């Protein structure tokens, strides 16, 4: 006579291993969330700070000699600063959506980082802002610019774009497990039922109340017979 195989209970080491893997996964999710927030916030702050600093300097040829002109990041291109703000908005939106929408917003965050980095690098070869500022000073539209030098601030904006891009990659890889904003807002005392207002007590002196009392066989005057 054959006997059916009785399933053996899971061994304690196997259960401990499963618990260890779950704890490790939880730590990875928390680390990815913290890193994503840090990278996006730090990258956007770096880009916005760099955009207001001097990016390029050059000499404009003038009748009395060379005139030194400087331009900041916003004078050259407003793209990195604008994309940094959009990236911050996309990071907040990651926690406001679920499912495929979260992947789409995370992709926008990563693209904002790429656009910020590329825009910062392209500014390293742009002298139009210096020429425009020189023309405003000299009154000559085709003022030549020479001796152009660039400060490290465009590279700082580039680094900020890379950080925003890394935040987007983390959101794409781990964002599905990140917490989401709650859409339920409870007001204090909102669950308490409102007391129903009772109907006002009838006035016994009104004629209709007297007739109702007589119909019920009651003495409307309140005297006992």
Protein backbone atom coordinates (compact mmCIF):
# COMPACT_ATOMS: atom_id res chain seq x y z
CA UNK A 1 0.00 0.00 0.00
CA UNK A 2 1.42 3.36 -1.07
CA UNK A 3 1.21 6.34 1.15
CA UNK A 4 0.80 9.91 -0.12
CA UNK A 5 3.78 12.16 0.41
CA UNK A 6 3.16 14.54 3.27
CA UNK A 7 4.45 18.08 2.52
CA UNK A 8 7.13 19.02 4.96
CA UNK A 9 6.90 22.36 6.70
CA UNK A 10 9.34 24.97 5.54
CA UNK A 11 12.56 24.96 7.45
CA UNK A 12 13.45 27.85 9.68
CA UNK A 13 16.52 28.83 7.58
CA UNK A 14 14.34 29.13 4.46
CA UNK A 15 11.85 31.37 6.26
CA UNK A 16 14.71 33.48 7.60
CA UNK A 17 16.15 33.79 4.09
CA UNK A 18 12.81 34.96 2.70
CA UNK A 19 12.51 37.52 5.49
CA UNK A 20 16.04 38.69 4.79
CA UNK A 21 15.31 39.15 1.10
CA UNK A 22 12.17 41.13 1.92
CA UNK A 23 14.07 43.37 4.32
CA UNK A 24 16.79 43.95 1.72
CA UNK A 25 14.18 44.88 -0.90
CA UNK A 26 12.60 47.33 1.53
CA UNK A 27 15.97 48.93 2.19
CA UNK A 28 16.62 49.30 -1.54
CA UNK A 29 13.27 51.02 -2.03
CA UNK A 30 13.93 53.43 0.83
CA UNK A 31 17.44 54.18 -0.42
CA UNK A 32 16.20 54.75 -3.97
CA UNK A 33 13.51 57.12 -2.69
CA UNK A 34 15.96 59.09 -0.56
CA UNK A 35 18.52 59.23 -3.39
CA UNK A 36 15.91 60.30 -5.95
CA UNK A 37 14.68 63.14 -3.77
CA UNK A 38 18.24 64.23 -2.96
CA UNK A 39 19.47 64.11 -6.56
CA UNK A 40 16.48 66.01 -7.94
CA UNK A 41 16.49 68.71 -5.25
CA UNK A 42 20.27 69.15 -5.32
CA UNK A 43 20.42 69.12 -9.11
CA UNK A 44 17.64 71.69 -9.52
CA UNK A 45 19.16 73.96 -6.86
CA UNK A 46 22.56 73.73 -8.56
CA UNK A 47 21.10 74.59 -11.96
CA UNK A 48 19.09 77.54 -10.65
CA UNK A 49 22.09 78.86 -8.73
CA UNK A 50 24.40 78.52 -11.72
CA UNK A 51 21.92 80.19 -14.09
CA UNK A 52 22.24 83.46 -12.19
CA UNK A 53 26.05 83.47 -12.23
CA UNK A 54 28.49 84.75 -14.86
CA UNK A 55 29.02 82.16 -17.58
CA UNK A 56 31.06 84.00 -20.20
CA UNK A 57 33.29 87.07 -20.55
CA UNK A 58 34.61 88.75 -23.67
CA UNK A 59 36.11 91.94 -25.09
CA UNK A 60 34.12 94.10 -27.46
CA UNK A 61 36.12 96.11 -29.99
CA UNK A 62 35.44 99.82 -29.43
CA UNK A 63 36.88 103.03 -30.82
CA UNK A 64 38.53 103.90 -27.53
CA UNK A 65 39.75 100.36 -26.98
CA UNK A 66 38.41 97.02 -25.84
CA UNK A 67 35.36 96.94 -23.58
CA UNK A 68 34.98 93.98 -21.22
CA UNK A 69 31.49 92.46 -21.19
CA UNK A 70 30.02 89.59 -19.11
CA UNK A 71 26.82 87.55 -19.41
CA UNK A 72 25.16 85.14 -16.99
CA UNK A 73 23.40 81.89 -17.69
CA UNK A 74 19.98 83.46 -18.15
CA UNK A 75 21.41 85.87 -20.73
CA UNK A 76 22.79 82.97 -22.79
CA UNK A 77 19.94 80.46 -22.45
CA UNK A 78 16.96 80.10 -20.14
CA UNK A 79 16.54 76.42 -21.01
CA UNK A 80 18.47 74.83 -18.09
CA UNK A 81 16.66 76.87 -15.44
CA UNK A 82 13.24 76.25 -16.97
CA UNK A 83 13.85 72.50 -17.28
CA UNK A 84 15.08 72.34 -13.69
CA UNK A 85 11.77 73.80 -12.48
CA UNK A 86 9.82 71.38 -14.69
CA UNK A 87 11.91 68.54 -13.26
CA UNK A 88 10.97 69.50 -9.71
CA UNK A 89 7.31 69.58 -10.71
CA UNK A 90 7.68 66.15 -12.33
CA UNK A 91 9.25 64.76 -9.15
CA UNK A 92 6.25 65.90 -7.12
CA UNK A 93 3.90 64.47 -9.75
CA UNK A 94 5.58 61.05 -9.43
CA UNK A 95 3.97 60.69 -6.00
CA UNK A 96 0.59 61.95 -7.23
CA UNK A 97 0.03 59.35 -9.97
CA UNK A 98 0.04 55.57 -10.14
CA UNK A 99 0.59 52.82 -12.69
CA UNK A 100 1.65 53.84 -16.19
CA UNK A 101 1.25 57.51 -15.30
CA UNK A 102 4.11 57.20 -12.83
CA UNK A 103 6.39 55.79 -15.52
CA UNK A 104 5.44 58.63 -17.87
CA UNK A 105 6.19 61.32 -15.28
CA UNK A 106 9.47 59.60 -14.33
CA UNK A 107 10.42 59.66 -18.02
CA UNK A 108 9.70 63.39 -18.16
CA UNK A 109 11.95 63.87 -15.12
CA UNK A 110 14.79 62.01 -16.83
CA UNK A 111 14.31 64.00 -20.06
CA UNK A 112 14.45 67.25 -18.10
CA UNK A 113 17.84 66.19 -16.79
CA UNK A 114 19.09 65.37 -20.29
CA UNK A 115 17.81 68.68 -21.68
CA UNK A 116 19.40 70.63 -18.84
CA UNK A 117 22.78 68.98 -19.33
CA UNK A 118 22.74 69.38 -23.13
CA UNK A 119 21.59 73.01 -22.91
CA UNK A 120 24.42 73.81 -20.50
CA UNK A 121 27.02 72.29 -22.82
CA UNK A 122 25.69 74.11 -25.89
CA UNK A 123 26.07 77.41 -24.02
CA UNK A 124 29.84 76.91 -24.01
CA UNK A 125 29.94 77.75 -27.73
CA UNK A 126 27.38 80.58 -27.79
CA UNK A 127 28.64 84.18 -28.13
CA UNK A 128 25.34 85.70 -29.25
CA UNK A 129 24.54 87.02 -25.78
CA UNK A 130 27.95 88.70 -25.50
CA UNK A 131 27.56 90.26 -28.95
CA UNK A 132 24.09 91.54 -28.07
CA UNK A 133 25.30 93.10 -24.83
CA UNK A 134 28.26 94.68 -26.60
CA UNK A 135 25.94 96.12 -29.26
CA UNK A 136 23.78 97.69 -26.55
CA UNK A 137 26.86 99.38 -25.06
CA UNK A 138 28.55 100.58 -28.24
CA UNK A 139 25.46 101.19 -30.35
CA UNK A 140 27.00 99.17 -33.19
CA UNK A 141 25.07 96.07 -34.17
CA UNK A 142 28.02 94.13 -35.59
CA UNK A 143 30.42 94.69 -32.71
CA UNK A 144 33.14 92.05 -32.78
CA UNK A 145 33.82 89.96 -29.66
CA UNK A 146 37.21 88.46 -28.96
CA UNK A 147 39.00 86.93 -26.02
CA UNK A 148 35.91 84.99 -24.91
CA UNK A 149 36.36 82.92 -21.76
CA UNK A 150 33.91 80.77 -19.82
CA UNK A 151 33.58 80.29 -16.09
CA UNK A 152 32.95 76.92 -14.36
CA UNK A 153 29.27 77.75 -13.83
CA UNK A 154 28.05 76.13 -17.09
CA UNK A 155 29.71 72.92 -15.91
CA UNK A 156 27.93 73.28 -12.57
CA UNK A 157 24.61 73.49 -14.44
CA UNK A 158 25.65 70.43 -16.47
CA UNK A 159 26.31 68.52 -13.23
CA UNK A 160 22.89 69.57 -11.95
CA UNK A 161 21.29 68.19 -15.11
CA UNK A 162 23.09 64.89 -14.60
CA UNK A 163 21.73 64.67 -11.05
CA UNK A 164 18.18 65.33 -12.28
CA UNK A 165 18.66 62.62 -14.92
CA UNK A 166 19.80 60.14 -12.25
CA UNK A 167 16.71 60.98 -10.20
CA UNK A 168 14.59 60.17 -13.26
CA UNK A 169 16.34 56.83 -13.71
CA UNK A 170 15.70 55.94 -10.06
CA UNK A 171 12.05 56.88 -10.47
CA UNK A 172 11.81 54.66 -13.56
CA UNK A 173 13.48 51.72 -11.82
CA UNK A 174 11.97 51.88 -8.35
CA UNK A 175 9.15 54.41 -8.60
CA UNK A 176 6.43 51.76 -8.82
CA UNK A 177 7.20 50.83 -5.19
CA UNK A 178 7.43 54.40 -3.90
CA UNK A 179 4.55 55.66 -1.74
CA UNK A 180 1.79 57.72 -3.31
CA UNK A 181 -0.06 60.75 -2.08
CA UNK A 182 -3.37 60.06 -0.38
CA UNK A 183 -6.41 61.60 -2.01
CA UNK A 184 -8.54 61.41 1.11
CA UNK A 185 -8.67 64.37 3.42
CA UNK A 186 -10.70 64.04 6.58
CA UNK A 187 -12.05 67.01 8.47
CA UNK A 188 -12.12 67.11 12.22
CA UNK A 189 -15.39 65.69 13.40
CA UNK A 190 -16.37 64.79 9.85
CA UNK A 191 -17.42 61.27 10.82
CA UNK A 192 -19.75 62.41 13.57
CA UNK A 193 -23.40 62.26 12.54
CA UNK A 194 -25.17 65.57 12.64
CA UNK A 195 -28.04 65.66 15.14
CA UNK A 196 -31.42 65.84 13.49
CA UNK A 197 -33.44 68.86 14.28
CA UNK A 198 -36.70 67.88 15.91
CA UNK A 199 -40.00 69.34 14.82
CA UNK A 200 -41.19 72.24 16.99
CA UNK A 201 -43.74 71.33 19.66
CA UNK A 202 -47.32 72.02 18.58
CA UNK A 203 -49.02 75.09 20.03
CA UNK A 204 -52.16 73.88 21.90
CA UNK A 205 -53.83 77.29 21.50
CA UNK A 206 -53.93 77.07 17.72
CA UNK A 207 -57.40 76.15 16.34
CA UNK A 208 -56.19 73.20 14.29
CA UNK A 209 -54.53 71.70 17.38
CA UNK A 210 -57.77 72.09 19.36
CA UNK A 211 -59.75 70.20 16.69
CA UNK A 212 -57.12 67.45 16.60
CA UNK A 213 -57.37 67.06 20.37
CA UNK A 214 -61.18 66.81 20.19
CA UNK A 215 -60.89 64.16 17.47
CA UNK A 216 -58.65 62.12 19.77
CA UNK A 217 -61.22 62.43 22.60
CA UNK A 218 -58.99 64.69 24.69
CA UNK A 219 -59.94 67.76 26.65
CA UNK A 220 -58.06 70.64 24.96
CA UNK A 221 -58.44 72.78 28.08
CA UNK A 222 -56.39 70.29 30.13
CA UNK A 223 -59.17 69.77 32.74
CA UNK A 224 -59.97 66.23 33.75
CA UNK A 225 -63.62 65.22 33.53
